[in-house]
Each structure stands twice: as C-alpha cells, then as structure tokens.
Amino acid sequence: MNILIIAASLMLSPLFSTTGGDDAPTRYPVNTKSSTVNWEGKKVTGSHNGDIQISNGFVTVENGLISAATVVIDMNTINTLDLEGGSKESLDGHLKSDDFFGAATYPTATFELTGLNPLRGGENGANFSAQGTVTIKGRTESISVPVKVEMNDGGVRISGDMVLDRSKFDVQFRSKSFFDAKELGDKLIYNDFTIGFDLVAGK
C-alpha cells in the first residue's frame, strides 16, 4: 500500500470528548507491539490471510478531544499466516511484487482519520463511524468504516474492519477490473480485501 502513509500531522475537527478543561495537547504514539493489523483476500478457489506491521503512528488529544491521527504501515512486512514453507514464501514475495503492492517502490501505506460520527447499534461494539483516507501505491481513496473507540487518561484504542477495493489502488493481478473475468475463470482474485485493525495509542 504509499495501508496505511504520510508521516505528517492530520488536523481534525473535534471527534471524541471525555473531559472538559484546557488540557495541553497530548500526542500518544501508537504502540506498535500492542497494536495489530490483519488482512484477508479472497479468490474463486479460496482465501488467504495474514498480518502486517505498523511502522509508526500517533493520536493527538487536546481538551479531551481527538485532534489528529495518522497510522503508517510497513508494506515490506506483509506476512501470510495460512501457509507454510515455500508456499508461504512464494505468496509473501508475490504480494510485495509489482503484481500487487509494489513494496520496493511503495514501501509504506497510510491511513489518516478525517472525522468521527457517533454510531448507535453498530456491530461488534462499534460506537463511531470513522471517515478517513487510505493511500496505497501512491493512490489515495476516501473510506468510511464503523469503529469501536475507547478513551481513558492513559490513551486511546480504536478497532474495526475496513473493506478496500484493490482495483482503486492499481493492484491489477487477476482482477476483473483489468482482465476478462471469463478468461480468468477459477483463477480470478476478488477485488475486495479486508483489513482488520486494533490500534492502541498511549503513554
């Protein structure tokens, strides 16, 4: 993904409040060890899943409000979990190649938060609808995804699942958006893939 990257500040309108007062801005770094990002891609004949590492990120809280957030993903850490040995190494390498995410040219991907709206009755405890942008292979797309936001004096936790269309990021390999689906047959790989994230930012 260039999933989740721009290491620059993203200033947001007030998003989430827990306390009042004139608190000084607090910039919470994303804990790259406690946070997780998982992925799943599907094809006609099955699916594959894995994880990927966060390079860095932050969430800034000011006067009890989230005022900035950025997450940067290291695309060279794409890791397949449902395969082993040579099959795993082959898929990992292929996903990093120009057929897919071109990690040599685009070593990072970005998620930037642009807004949060209260959400009631969301699945899996989601209490907000998050708006933001995802930048992959130098292409940026707007997204909206239900998330669960938890905040306390020690920091912030944001979790959820986003579904992305790889064709919008010029990931062409065996995609019906670039090739004839009939000719691809059972070799077709679906455009949509899922990113699950659990981001922990704190002191």
N, C-alpha and C. Protein backbone atom coordinates (compact mmCIF):
# COMPACT_ATOMS: atom_id res chain seq x y z
N MET A 1 0.82 -1.21 0.00
CA MET A 1 0.00 0.00 0.00
C MET A 1 0.88 1.29 0.00
N ASN A 2 1.24 3.75 -0.59
CA ASN A 2 2.15 4.85 -0.09
C ASN A 2 1.51 6.01 0.43
N ILE A 3 -0.92 0.90 3.53
CA ILE A 3 -2.03 0.64 4.12
C ILE A 3 -1.21 1.12 4.79
N LEU A 4 -1.95 1.89 4.95
CA LEU A 4 -1.99 2.74 6.00
C LEU A 4 -0.65 3.23 5.74
N ILE A 5 1.06 6.61 3.15
CA ILE A 5 1.41 6.79 4.57
C ILE A 5 2.24 7.99 4.53
N ILE A 6 1.80 8.75 5.09
CA ILE A 6 2.47 10.03 5.13
C ILE A 6 2.65 10.37 6.59
N ALA A 7 3.90 10.50 7.04
CA ALA A 7 4.11 10.73 8.46
C ALA A 7 4.01 12.22 8.75
N ALA A 8 2.83 12.79 8.48
CA ALA A 8 2.62 14.20 8.75
C ALA A 8 1.38 14.36 9.58
N SER A 9 1.23 15.46 10.26
CA SER A 9 0.09 15.68 11.17
C SER A 9 -1.18 15.85 10.37
N LEU A 10 -2.25 15.23 10.86
CA LEU A 10 -3.57 15.35 10.26
C LEU A 10 -4.46 16.04 11.28
N MET A 11 -4.84 17.28 11.03
CA MET A 11 -5.65 18.01 11.99
C MET A 11 -7.12 17.77 11.70
N LEU A 12 -7.85 17.40 12.74
CA LEU A 12 -9.24 17.04 12.61
C LEU A 12 -10.12 18.00 13.39
N SER A 13 -11.40 18.01 13.07
CA SER A 13 -12.36 18.69 13.89
C SER A 13 -12.56 17.86 15.15
N PRO A 14 -13.11 18.43 16.24
CA PRO A 14 -13.30 17.66 17.47
C PRO A 14 -14.06 16.38 17.21
N LEU A 15 -13.53 15.26 17.73
CA LEU A 15 -14.08 13.96 17.40
C LEU A 15 -14.66 13.22 18.59
N PHE A 16 -14.01 13.30 19.74
CA PHE A 16 -14.45 12.47 20.85
C PHE A 16 -14.08 13.15 22.15
N SER A 17 -15.02 13.30 23.05
CA SER A 17 -14.76 14.04 24.27
C SER A 17 -15.00 13.18 25.48
N THR A 18 -14.07 13.24 26.45
CA THR A 18 -14.26 12.53 27.71
C THR A 18 -14.26 13.49 28.89
N THR A 19 -13.49 14.59 28.77
CA THR A 19 -13.43 15.56 29.85
C THR A 19 -13.37 16.96 29.26
N GLY A 20 -13.64 17.95 30.06
CA GLY A 20 -13.55 19.33 29.63
C GLY A 20 -12.23 19.90 30.10
N GLY A 21 -12.14 21.25 30.06
CA GLY A 21 -10.94 21.88 30.57
C GLY A 21 -9.99 22.28 29.48
N ASP A 22 -8.94 22.96 29.89
CA ASP A 22 -7.95 23.47 28.95
C ASP A 22 -6.69 22.63 29.00
N ASP A 23 -6.83 21.36 28.77
CA ASP A 23 -5.69 20.46 28.81
C ASP A 23 -4.74 20.76 27.66
N ALA A 24 -3.44 20.65 27.93
CA ALA A 24 -2.45 20.80 26.87
C ALA A 24 -2.54 19.61 25.92
N PRO A 25 -2.24 19.82 24.64
CA PRO A 25 -2.29 18.71 23.69
C PRO A 25 -1.38 17.56 24.12
N THR A 26 -1.88 16.35 24.00
CA THR A 26 -1.09 15.16 24.29
C THR A 26 -1.03 14.30 23.05
N ARG A 27 0.18 14.02 22.60
CA ARG A 27 0.37 13.19 21.41
C ARG A 27 0.75 11.79 21.86
N TYR A 28 -0.17 10.87 21.65
CA TYR A 28 0.04 9.48 22.05
C TYR A 28 0.62 8.69 20.88
N PRO A 29 1.80 8.12 21.02
CA PRO A 29 2.33 7.27 19.95
C PRO A 29 1.56 5.95 19.88
N VAL A 30 1.39 5.44 18.68
CA VAL A 30 0.78 4.12 18.52
C VAL A 30 1.77 3.08 19.01
N ASN A 31 1.30 2.21 19.88
CA ASN A 31 2.14 1.13 20.39
C ASN A 31 2.21 0.04 19.32
N THR A 32 3.33 -0.05 18.63
CA THR A 32 3.45 -0.97 17.51
C THR A 32 3.49 -2.43 17.94
N LYS A 33 3.78 -2.69 19.20
CA LYS A 33 3.80 -4.06 19.70
C LYS A 33 2.41 -4.52 20.14
N SER A 34 1.64 -3.62 20.73
CA SER A 34 0.31 -3.97 21.21
C SER A 34 -0.74 -3.89 20.11
N SER A 35 -0.49 -3.07 19.10
CA SER A 35 -1.45 -2.89 18.01
C SER A 35 -1.29 -3.99 16.96
N THR A 36 -2.37 -4.30 16.28
CA THR A 36 -2.33 -5.34 15.24
C THR A 36 -3.08 -4.89 14.00
N VAL A 37 -2.59 -5.34 12.84
CA VAL A 37 -3.28 -5.14 11.57
C VAL A 37 -3.27 -6.48 10.84
N ASN A 38 -4.45 -6.97 10.50
CA ASN A 38 -4.58 -8.25 9.80
C ASN A 38 -5.24 -8.03 8.44
N TRP A 39 -5.03 -8.97 7.53
CA TRP A 39 -5.63 -8.86 6.22
C TRP A 39 -6.18 -10.20 5.75
N GLU A 40 -7.16 -10.14 4.86
CA GLU A 40 -7.71 -11.33 4.22
C GLU A 40 -8.09 -10.99 2.79
N GLY A 41 -7.65 -11.82 1.86
CA GLY A 41 -8.02 -11.68 0.46
C GLY A 41 -8.66 -12.96 -0.03
N LYS A 42 -9.63 -12.83 -0.93
CA LYS A 42 -10.37 -14.00 -1.40
C LYS A 42 -10.25 -14.16 -2.91
N LYS A 43 -10.30 -15.42 -3.33
CA LYS A 43 -10.30 -15.76 -4.74
C LYS A 43 -11.39 -16.80 -4.97
N VAL A 44 -11.61 -17.15 -6.23
CA VAL A 44 -12.68 -18.10 -6.55
C VAL A 44 -12.47 -19.42 -5.83
N THR A 45 -11.24 -19.84 -5.70
CA THR A 45 -10.96 -21.17 -5.13
C THR A 45 -10.65 -21.16 -3.63
N GLY A 46 -10.74 -20.00 -2.98
CA GLY A 46 -10.45 -19.98 -1.54
C GLY A 46 -10.04 -18.60 -1.05
N SER A 47 -9.19 -18.54 -0.06
CA SER A 47 -8.75 -17.26 0.51
C SER A 47 -7.39 -17.42 1.18
N HIS A 48 -6.77 -16.30 1.47
CA HIS A 48 -5.53 -16.27 2.24
C HIS A 48 -5.64 -15.15 3.26
N ASN A 49 -4.93 -15.31 4.37
CA ASN A 49 -4.94 -14.29 5.39
C ASN A 49 -3.56 -14.15 6.02
N GLY A 50 -3.35 -13.01 6.67
CA GLY A 50 -2.06 -12.77 7.30
C GLY A 50 -2.07 -11.50 8.11
N ASP A 51 -0.89 -10.99 8.39
CA ASP A 51 -0.78 -9.74 9.13
C ASP A 51 0.28 -8.86 8.50
N ILE A 52 0.39 -7.65 9.02
CA ILE A 52 1.35 -6.67 8.52
C ILE A 52 1.68 -5.74 9.67
N GLN A 53 2.89 -5.20 9.68
CA GLN A 53 3.35 -4.44 10.84
C GLN A 53 3.15 -2.93 10.66
N ILE A 54 2.83 -2.29 11.77
CA ILE A 54 2.74 -0.83 11.80
C ILE A 54 4.16 -0.27 11.96
N SER A 55 4.50 0.69 11.12
CA SER A 55 5.80 1.35 11.22
C SER A 55 5.79 2.40 12.32
N ASN A 56 4.79 3.26 12.29
CA ASN A 56 4.62 4.28 13.32
C ASN A 56 3.24 4.89 13.21
N GLY A 57 2.90 5.72 14.17
CA GLY A 57 1.61 6.39 14.15
C GLY A 57 1.40 7.19 15.41
N PHE A 58 0.36 7.98 15.43
CA PHE A 58 0.05 8.76 16.61
C PHE A 58 -1.42 9.15 16.64
N VAL A 59 -1.89 9.44 17.84
CA VAL A 59 -3.20 10.04 18.04
C VAL A 59 -2.99 11.21 19.00
N THR A 60 -3.46 12.40 18.63
CA THR A 60 -3.32 13.56 19.49
C THR A 60 -4.65 13.90 20.13
N VAL A 61 -4.63 14.13 21.44
CA VAL A 61 -5.82 14.51 22.20
C VAL A 61 -5.60 15.89 22.79
N GLU A 62 -6.57 16.77 22.58
CA GLU A 62 -6.48 18.14 23.08
C GLU A 62 -7.81 18.55 23.68
N ASN A 63 -7.79 18.98 24.95
CA ASN A 63 -9.02 19.34 25.65
C ASN A 63 -10.05 18.21 25.62
N GLY A 64 -9.57 16.99 25.77
CA GLY A 64 -10.46 15.84 25.79
C GLY A 64 -10.98 15.42 24.43
N LEU A 65 -10.40 15.98 23.37
CA LEU A 65 -10.86 15.69 22.01
C LEU A 65 -9.73 15.11 21.18
N ILE A 66 -10.04 14.15 20.33
CA ILE A 66 -9.06 13.67 19.36
C ILE A 66 -8.91 14.74 18.29
N SER A 67 -7.69 15.26 18.11
CA SER A 67 -7.48 16.35 17.16
C SER A 67 -6.56 15.97 16.00
N ALA A 68 -5.96 14.79 16.05
CA ALA A 68 -5.09 14.36 14.95
C ALA A 68 -4.86 12.86 15.05
N ALA A 69 -4.65 12.22 13.91
CA ALA A 69 -4.36 10.78 13.90
C ALA A 69 -3.77 10.36 12.57
N THR A 70 -2.72 9.55 12.62
CA THR A 70 -2.07 9.01 11.43
C THR A 70 -1.49 7.63 11.77
N VAL A 71 -1.62 6.69 10.85
CA VAL A 71 -1.01 5.37 11.02
C VAL A 71 -0.23 5.03 9.75
N VAL A 72 1.00 4.58 9.93
CA VAL A 72 1.87 4.23 8.80
C VAL A 72 2.18 2.73 8.84
N ILE A 73 1.99 2.08 7.70
CA ILE A 73 2.18 0.63 7.60
C ILE A 73 3.43 0.32 6.78
N ASP A 74 4.20 -0.66 7.22
CA ASP A 74 5.41 -1.11 6.52
C ASP A 74 5.02 -2.23 5.55
N MET A 75 4.94 -1.92 4.27
CA MET A 75 4.47 -2.88 3.28
C MET A 75 5.45 -4.05 3.06
N ASN A 76 6.69 -3.87 3.48
CA ASN A 76 7.65 -4.96 3.33
C ASN A 76 7.50 -6.03 4.41
N THR A 77 6.52 -5.85 5.31
CA THR A 77 6.28 -6.85 6.36
C THR A 77 5.04 -7.70 6.08
N ILE A 78 4.52 -7.65 4.86
CA ILE A 78 3.37 -8.49 4.51
C ILE A 78 3.70 -9.94 4.85
N ASN A 79 2.84 -10.56 5.63
CA ASN A 79 3.11 -11.90 6.16
C ASN A 79 1.87 -12.78 6.03
N THR A 80 2.02 -13.91 5.36
CA THR A 80 0.91 -14.86 5.20
C THR A 80 0.90 -15.83 6.38
N LEU A 81 -0.28 -16.04 6.95
CA LEU A 81 -0.40 -16.90 8.13
C LEU A 81 -1.00 -18.27 7.84
N ASP A 82 -1.71 -18.43 6.72
CA ASP A 82 -2.38 -19.69 6.46
C ASP A 82 -1.56 -20.66 5.61
N LEU A 83 -0.32 -20.27 5.28
CA LEU A 83 0.57 -21.14 4.51
C LEU A 83 1.89 -21.30 5.25
N GLU A 84 2.65 -22.33 4.86
CA GLU A 84 3.96 -22.57 5.47
C GLU A 84 4.99 -22.85 4.38
N GLY A 85 6.26 -22.79 4.78
CA GLY A 85 7.34 -23.19 3.88
C GLY A 85 7.41 -22.40 2.60
N GLY A 86 7.69 -23.13 1.50
CA GLY A 86 7.86 -22.50 0.21
C GLY A 86 6.62 -21.79 -0.30
N SER A 87 5.44 -22.36 -0.01
CA SER A 87 4.19 -21.74 -0.46
C SER A 87 4.00 -20.38 0.19
N LYS A 88 4.32 -20.31 1.48
CA LYS A 88 4.22 -19.04 2.20
C LYS A 88 5.21 -18.02 1.64
N GLU A 89 6.47 -18.42 1.45
CA GLU A 89 7.48 -17.52 0.95
C GLU A 89 7.12 -17.01 -0.45
N SER A 90 6.55 -17.90 -1.26
CA SER A 90 6.16 -17.52 -2.61
C SER A 90 5.06 -16.47 -2.60
N LEU A 91 4.03 -16.69 -1.77
CA LEU A 91 2.92 -15.73 -1.72
C LEU A 91 3.37 -14.41 -1.11
N ASP A 92 4.15 -14.47 -0.04
CA ASP A 92 4.65 -13.24 0.56
C ASP A 92 5.40 -12.39 -0.48
N GLY A 93 6.27 -13.06 -1.23
CA GLY A 93 7.05 -12.35 -2.24
C GLY A 93 6.17 -11.80 -3.35
N HIS A 94 5.17 -12.58 -3.74
CA HIS A 94 4.28 -12.13 -4.82
C HIS A 94 3.47 -10.92 -4.39
N LEU A 95 2.98 -10.93 -3.17
CA LEU A 95 2.19 -9.80 -2.68
C LEU A 95 3.02 -8.52 -2.59
N LYS A 96 4.31 -8.65 -2.35
CA LYS A 96 5.19 -7.49 -2.28
C LYS A 96 5.64 -7.03 -3.66
N SER A 97 5.44 -7.86 -4.67
CA SER A 97 5.92 -7.56 -6.02
C SER A 97 5.02 -6.53 -6.71
N ASP A 98 5.43 -6.12 -7.91
CA ASP A 98 4.66 -5.14 -8.66
C ASP A 98 3.32 -5.68 -9.13
N ASP A 99 3.14 -6.99 -9.15
CA ASP A 99 1.83 -7.57 -9.48
C ASP A 99 0.77 -7.12 -8.49
N PHE A 100 1.21 -6.90 -7.24
CA PHE A 100 0.28 -6.50 -6.19
C PHE A 100 0.65 -5.12 -5.63
N PHE A 101 1.39 -5.06 -4.53
CA PHE A 101 1.55 -3.80 -3.81
C PHE A 101 2.87 -3.08 -4.05
N GLY A 102 3.76 -3.64 -4.84
CA GLY A 102 4.97 -2.95 -5.24
C GLY A 102 5.75 -2.35 -4.08
N ALA A 103 6.05 -3.18 -3.08
CA ALA A 103 6.66 -2.69 -1.85
C ALA A 103 8.02 -2.05 -2.05
N ALA A 104 8.75 -2.45 -3.07
CA ALA A 104 10.06 -1.85 -3.33
C ALA A 104 9.92 -0.38 -3.71
N THR A 105 8.89 -0.07 -4.48
CA THR A 105 8.64 1.31 -4.91
C THR A 105 7.78 2.07 -3.92
N TYR A 106 6.84 1.37 -3.31
CA TYR A 106 5.91 1.98 -2.35
C TYR A 106 6.02 1.24 -1.01
N PRO A 107 7.06 1.53 -0.24
CA PRO A 107 7.33 0.76 0.98
C PRO A 107 6.37 1.03 2.13
N THR A 108 5.55 2.05 2.01
CA THR A 108 4.60 2.35 3.09
C THR A 108 3.21 2.57 2.53
N ALA A 109 2.23 2.44 3.40
CA ALA A 109 0.84 2.77 3.09
C ALA A 109 0.31 3.59 4.27
N THR A 110 -0.77 4.37 4.05
CA THR A 110 -1.23 5.29 5.09
C THR A 110 -2.71 5.21 5.34
N PHE A 111 -3.06 5.31 6.62
CA PHE A 111 -4.45 5.60 6.97
C PHE A 111 -4.46 6.89 7.76
N GLU A 112 -5.32 7.84 7.35
CA GLU A 112 -5.45 9.10 8.05
C GLU A 112 -6.91 9.34 8.38
N LEU A 113 -7.17 9.64 9.63
CA LEU A 113 -8.53 9.88 10.10
C LEU A 113 -8.95 11.31 9.82
N THR A 114 -10.15 11.50 9.29
CA THR A 114 -10.65 12.84 8.99
C THR A 114 -11.92 13.19 9.73
N GLY A 115 -12.58 12.22 10.36
CA GLY A 115 -13.79 12.53 11.10
C GLY A 115 -14.36 11.31 11.80
N LEU A 116 -15.11 11.57 12.86
CA LEU A 116 -15.82 10.52 13.60
C LEU A 116 -17.23 11.00 13.90
N ASN A 117 -18.21 10.17 13.57
CA ASN A 117 -19.60 10.49 13.89
C ASN A 117 -20.17 9.41 14.80
N PRO A 118 -20.91 9.79 15.84
CA PRO A 118 -21.49 8.80 16.75
C PRO A 118 -22.34 7.78 16.00
N LEU A 119 -22.26 6.54 16.45
CA LEU A 119 -22.98 5.45 15.80
C LEU A 119 -23.66 4.62 16.88
N ARG A 120 -24.93 4.34 16.69
CA ARG A 120 -25.66 3.52 17.65
C ARG A 120 -26.00 2.17 17.02
N GLY A 121 -25.89 1.14 17.83
CA GLY A 121 -26.26 -0.19 17.36
C GLY A 121 -25.30 -0.79 16.38
N GLY A 122 -24.04 -0.35 16.39
CA GLY A 122 -23.06 -0.91 15.46
C GLY A 122 -22.65 -2.32 15.84
N GLU A 123 -22.27 -3.12 14.86
CA GLU A 123 -21.85 -4.49 15.13
C GLU A 123 -20.50 -4.50 15.85
N ASN A 124 -20.30 -5.55 16.64
CA ASN A 124 -19.04 -5.75 17.36
C ASN A 124 -18.67 -4.57 18.26
N GLY A 125 -19.70 -3.91 18.78
CA GLY A 125 -19.46 -2.82 19.72
C GLY A 125 -19.06 -1.51 19.09
N ALA A 126 -19.16 -1.39 17.76
CA ALA A 126 -18.79 -0.13 17.09
C ALA A 126 -19.66 1.01 17.60
N ASN A 127 -19.02 2.10 18.01
CA ASN A 127 -19.77 3.24 18.52
C ASN A 127 -19.54 4.53 17.73
N PHE A 128 -18.72 4.44 16.69
CA PHE A 128 -18.49 5.59 15.81
C PHE A 128 -18.38 5.13 14.36
N SER A 129 -18.71 6.04 13.46
CA SER A 129 -18.42 5.85 12.04
C SER A 129 -17.22 6.73 11.73
N ALA A 130 -16.13 6.10 11.31
CA ALA A 130 -14.89 6.83 11.05
C ALA A 130 -14.74 7.12 9.56
N GLN A 131 -14.43 8.37 9.25
CA GLN A 131 -14.11 8.75 7.89
C GLN A 131 -12.60 8.99 7.80
N GLY A 132 -12.04 8.65 6.67
CA GLY A 132 -10.61 8.84 6.53
C GLY A 132 -10.14 8.58 5.12
N THR A 133 -8.83 8.55 4.94
CA THR A 133 -8.24 8.25 3.64
C THR A 133 -7.22 7.13 3.79
N VAL A 134 -7.16 6.31 2.77
CA VAL A 134 -6.15 5.26 2.68
C VAL A 134 -5.30 5.52 1.44
N THR A 135 -3.99 5.48 1.60
CA THR A 135 -3.08 5.67 0.48
C THR A 135 -2.28 4.39 0.26
N ILE A 136 -2.42 3.82 -0.93
CA ILE A 136 -1.73 2.59 -1.32
C ILE A 136 -1.15 2.78 -2.71
N LYS A 137 0.11 2.44 -2.91
CA LYS A 137 0.77 2.58 -4.21
C LYS A 137 0.62 3.99 -4.75
N GLY A 138 0.68 4.98 -3.85
CA GLY A 138 0.62 6.37 -4.26
C GLY A 138 -0.76 6.88 -4.61
N ARG A 139 -1.78 6.05 -4.43
CA ARG A 139 -3.15 6.46 -4.74
C ARG A 139 -3.96 6.55 -3.46
N THR A 140 -4.73 7.62 -3.34
CA THR A 140 -5.48 7.89 -2.11
C THR A 140 -6.99 7.78 -2.36
N GLU A 141 -7.67 7.05 -1.49
CA GLU A 141 -9.11 6.88 -1.57
C GLU A 141 -9.75 7.19 -0.22
N SER A 142 -10.94 7.78 -0.27
CA SER A 142 -11.70 8.06 0.94
C SER A 142 -12.46 6.81 1.36
N ILE A 143 -12.58 6.60 2.68
CA ILE A 143 -13.30 5.46 3.19
C ILE A 143 -14.17 5.88 4.38
N SER A 144 -15.14 5.04 4.70
CA SER A 144 -15.94 5.20 5.90
C SER A 144 -16.11 3.82 6.50
N VAL A 145 -15.85 3.69 7.80
CA VAL A 145 -15.85 2.38 8.43
C VAL A 145 -16.33 2.49 9.88
N PRO A 146 -17.18 1.56 10.34
CA PRO A 146 -17.57 1.56 11.75
C PRO A 146 -16.41 1.14 12.63
N VAL A 147 -16.20 1.84 13.73
CA VAL A 147 -15.10 1.54 14.63
C VAL A 147 -15.57 1.60 16.08
N LYS A 148 -14.83 0.91 16.92
CA LYS A 148 -15.04 1.00 18.37
C LYS A 148 -13.94 1.88 18.94
N VAL A 149 -14.32 2.96 19.56
CA VAL A 149 -13.37 3.90 20.14
C VAL A 149 -13.47 3.85 21.65
N GLU A 150 -12.33 3.67 22.31
CA GLU A 150 -12.25 3.69 23.77
C GLU A 150 -11.18 4.68 24.17
N MET A 151 -11.49 5.52 25.14
CA MET A 151 -10.54 6.53 25.57
C MET A 151 -10.49 6.59 27.09
N ASN A 152 -9.28 6.75 27.62
CA ASN A 152 -9.11 6.95 29.06
C ASN A 152 -7.92 7.88 29.27
N ASP A 153 -7.56 8.12 30.51
CA ASP A 153 -6.47 9.05 30.81
C ASP A 153 -5.14 8.58 30.24
N GLY A 154 -5.04 7.27 30.00
CA GLY A 154 -3.77 6.72 29.52
C GLY A 154 -3.61 6.69 28.02
N GLY A 155 -4.70 6.92 27.28
CA GLY A 155 -4.59 6.88 25.83
C GLY A 155 -5.87 6.53 25.13
N VAL A 156 -5.74 5.96 23.93
CA VAL A 156 -6.87 5.71 23.04
C VAL A 156 -6.73 4.32 22.41
N ARG A 157 -7.88 3.69 22.17
CA ARG A 157 -7.89 2.42 21.44
C ARG A 157 -8.98 2.49 20.38
N ILE A 158 -8.62 2.15 19.13
CA ILE A 158 -9.56 2.18 18.01
C ILE A 158 -9.46 0.85 17.27
N SER A 159 -10.60 0.20 17.09
CA SER A 159 -10.59 -1.10 16.41
C SER A 159 -11.74 -1.19 15.42
N GLY A 160 -11.56 -2.03 14.39
CA GLY A 160 -12.61 -2.22 13.40
C GLY A 160 -12.10 -3.00 12.21
N ASP A 161 -12.92 -3.08 11.18
CA ASP A 161 -12.59 -3.77 9.94
C ASP A 161 -12.96 -2.88 8.77
N MET A 162 -12.04 -2.73 7.84
CA MET A 162 -12.34 -1.96 6.63
C MET A 162 -12.20 -2.87 5.41
N VAL A 163 -13.10 -2.68 4.45
CA VAL A 163 -13.06 -3.42 3.19
C VAL A 163 -12.61 -2.46 2.10
N LEU A 164 -11.53 -2.82 1.42
CA LEU A 164 -10.95 -1.99 0.38
C LEU A 164 -11.05 -2.68 -0.98
N ASP A 165 -11.21 -1.88 -2.02
CA ASP A 165 -11.23 -2.37 -3.39
C ASP A 165 -9.84 -2.16 -3.99
N ARG A 166 -9.09 -3.25 -4.19
CA ARG A 166 -7.71 -3.13 -4.63
C ARG A 166 -7.58 -2.50 -6.01
N SER A 167 -8.61 -2.62 -6.84
CA SER A 167 -8.52 -2.06 -8.19
C SER A 167 -8.39 -0.54 -8.16
N LYS A 168 -8.88 0.10 -7.10
CA LYS A 168 -8.77 1.55 -6.99
C LYS A 168 -7.34 1.99 -6.69
N PHE A 169 -6.51 1.03 -6.28
CA PHE A 169 -5.11 1.33 -5.99
C PHE A 169 -4.18 0.73 -7.04
N ASP A 170 -4.75 0.41 -8.20
CA ASP A 170 -3.99 -0.12 -9.33
C ASP A 170 -3.31 -1.45 -9.01
N VAL A 171 -3.96 -2.28 -8.19
CA VAL A 171 -3.49 -3.64 -7.92
C VAL A 171 -4.23 -4.54 -8.91
N GLN A 172 -3.56 -4.87 -10.01
CA GLN A 172 -4.25 -5.42 -11.17
C GLN A 172 -4.29 -6.94 -11.25
N PHE A 173 -3.41 -7.65 -10.61
CA PHE A 173 -3.22 -9.07 -10.87
C PHE A 173 -4.53 -9.86 -10.74
N ARG A 174 -4.93 -10.49 -11.85
CA ARG A 174 -6.12 -11.34 -11.92
C ARG A 174 -7.38 -10.66 -11.38
N SER A 175 -7.50 -9.38 -11.68
CA SER A 175 -8.68 -8.61 -11.28
C SER A 175 -9.63 -8.47 -12.45
N LYS A 176 -10.91 -8.62 -12.22
CA LYS A 176 -11.90 -8.49 -13.29
C LYS A 176 -12.01 -7.05 -13.77
N SER A 177 -11.45 -6.10 -13.02
CA SER A 177 -11.47 -4.70 -13.45
C SER A 177 -10.45 -4.43 -14.55
N PHE A 178 -9.48 -5.33 -14.72
CA PHE A 178 -8.43 -5.14 -15.71
C PHE A 178 -8.36 -6.28 -16.74
N PHE A 179 -8.94 -7.43 -16.41
CA PHE A 179 -8.90 -8.59 -17.30
C PHE A 179 -10.29 -9.19 -17.43
N ASP A 180 -10.48 -9.95 -18.48
CA ASP A 180 -11.77 -10.60 -18.74
C ASP A 180 -12.03 -11.68 -17.70
N ALA A 181 -13.11 -11.52 -16.95
CA ALA A 181 -13.42 -12.46 -15.87
C ALA A 181 -13.65 -13.87 -16.41
N LYS A 182 -14.22 -13.98 -17.60
CA LYS A 182 -14.46 -15.31 -18.18
C LYS A 182 -13.15 -16.01 -18.51
N GLU A 183 -12.19 -15.25 -19.00
CA GLU A 183 -10.90 -15.84 -19.33
C GLU A 183 -10.14 -16.23 -18.06
N LEU A 184 -10.30 -15.44 -17.00
CA LEU A 184 -9.64 -15.76 -15.73
C LEU A 184 -10.22 -17.02 -15.10
N GLY A 185 -11.53 -17.21 -15.26
CA GLY A 185 -12.18 -18.41 -14.72
C GLY A 185 -11.93 -18.57 -13.23
N ASP A 186 -11.50 -19.77 -12.82
CA ASP A 186 -11.29 -20.02 -11.39
C ASP A 186 -9.97 -19.45 -10.89
N LYS A 187 -9.24 -18.73 -11.75
CA LYS A 187 -8.01 -18.06 -11.32
C LYS A 187 -8.27 -16.62 -10.87
N LEU A 188 -9.53 -16.18 -11.00
CA LEU A 188 -9.88 -14.81 -10.63
C LEU A 188 -9.68 -14.57 -9.13
N ILE A 189 -9.11 -13.40 -8.81
CA ILE A 189 -8.97 -12.97 -7.42
C ILE A 189 -9.88 -11.77 -7.23
N TYR A 190 -10.72 -11.81 -6.20
CA TYR A 190 -11.69 -10.75 -5.99
C TYR A 190 -11.01 -9.42 -5.64
N ASN A 191 -11.66 -8.34 -6.04
CA ASN A 191 -11.10 -7.01 -5.78
C ASN A 191 -11.11 -6.64 -4.30
N ASP A 192 -12.19 -6.97 -3.60
CA ASP A 192 -12.31 -6.57 -2.21
C ASP A 192 -11.40 -7.39 -1.30
N PHE A 193 -10.70 -6.71 -0.41
CA PHE A 193 -9.96 -7.39 0.64
C PHE A 193 -10.20 -6.66 1.95
N THR A 194 -10.06 -7.38 3.05
CA THR A 194 -10.43 -6.85 4.36
C THR A 194 -9.19 -6.59 5.21
N ILE A 195 -9.19 -5.43 5.84
CA ILE A 195 -8.14 -5.07 6.80
C ILE A 195 -8.78 -4.94 8.18
N GLY A 196 -8.34 -5.78 9.11
CA GLY A 196 -8.80 -5.68 10.49
C GLY A 196 -7.73 -5.00 11.32
N PHE A 197 -8.12 -4.06 12.16
CA PHE A 197 -7.12 -3.31 12.93
C PHE A 197 -7.55 -3.12 14.38
N ASP A 198 -6.56 -3.15 15.24
CA ASP A 198 -6.75 -2.87 16.67
C ASP A 198 -5.58 -1.96 17.06
N LEU A 199 -5.84 -0.67 17.11
CA LEU A 199 -4.80 0.32 17.33
C LEU A 199 -4.81 0.79 18.77
N VAL A 200 -3.68 0.68 19.43
CA VAL A 200 -3.53 1.12 20.81
C VAL A 200 -2.50 2.23 20.85
N ALA A 201 -2.91 3.40 21.32
CA ALA A 201 -2.02 4.55 21.42
C ALA A 201 -2.05 5.06 22.86
N GLY A 202 -0.91 5.20 23.48
CA GLY A 202 -0.89 5.63 24.87
C GLY A 202 0.47 6.04 25.35
N LYS A 203 0.53 6.36 26.62
CA LYS A 203 1.76 6.81 27.24
C LYS A 203 2.77 5.67 27.34
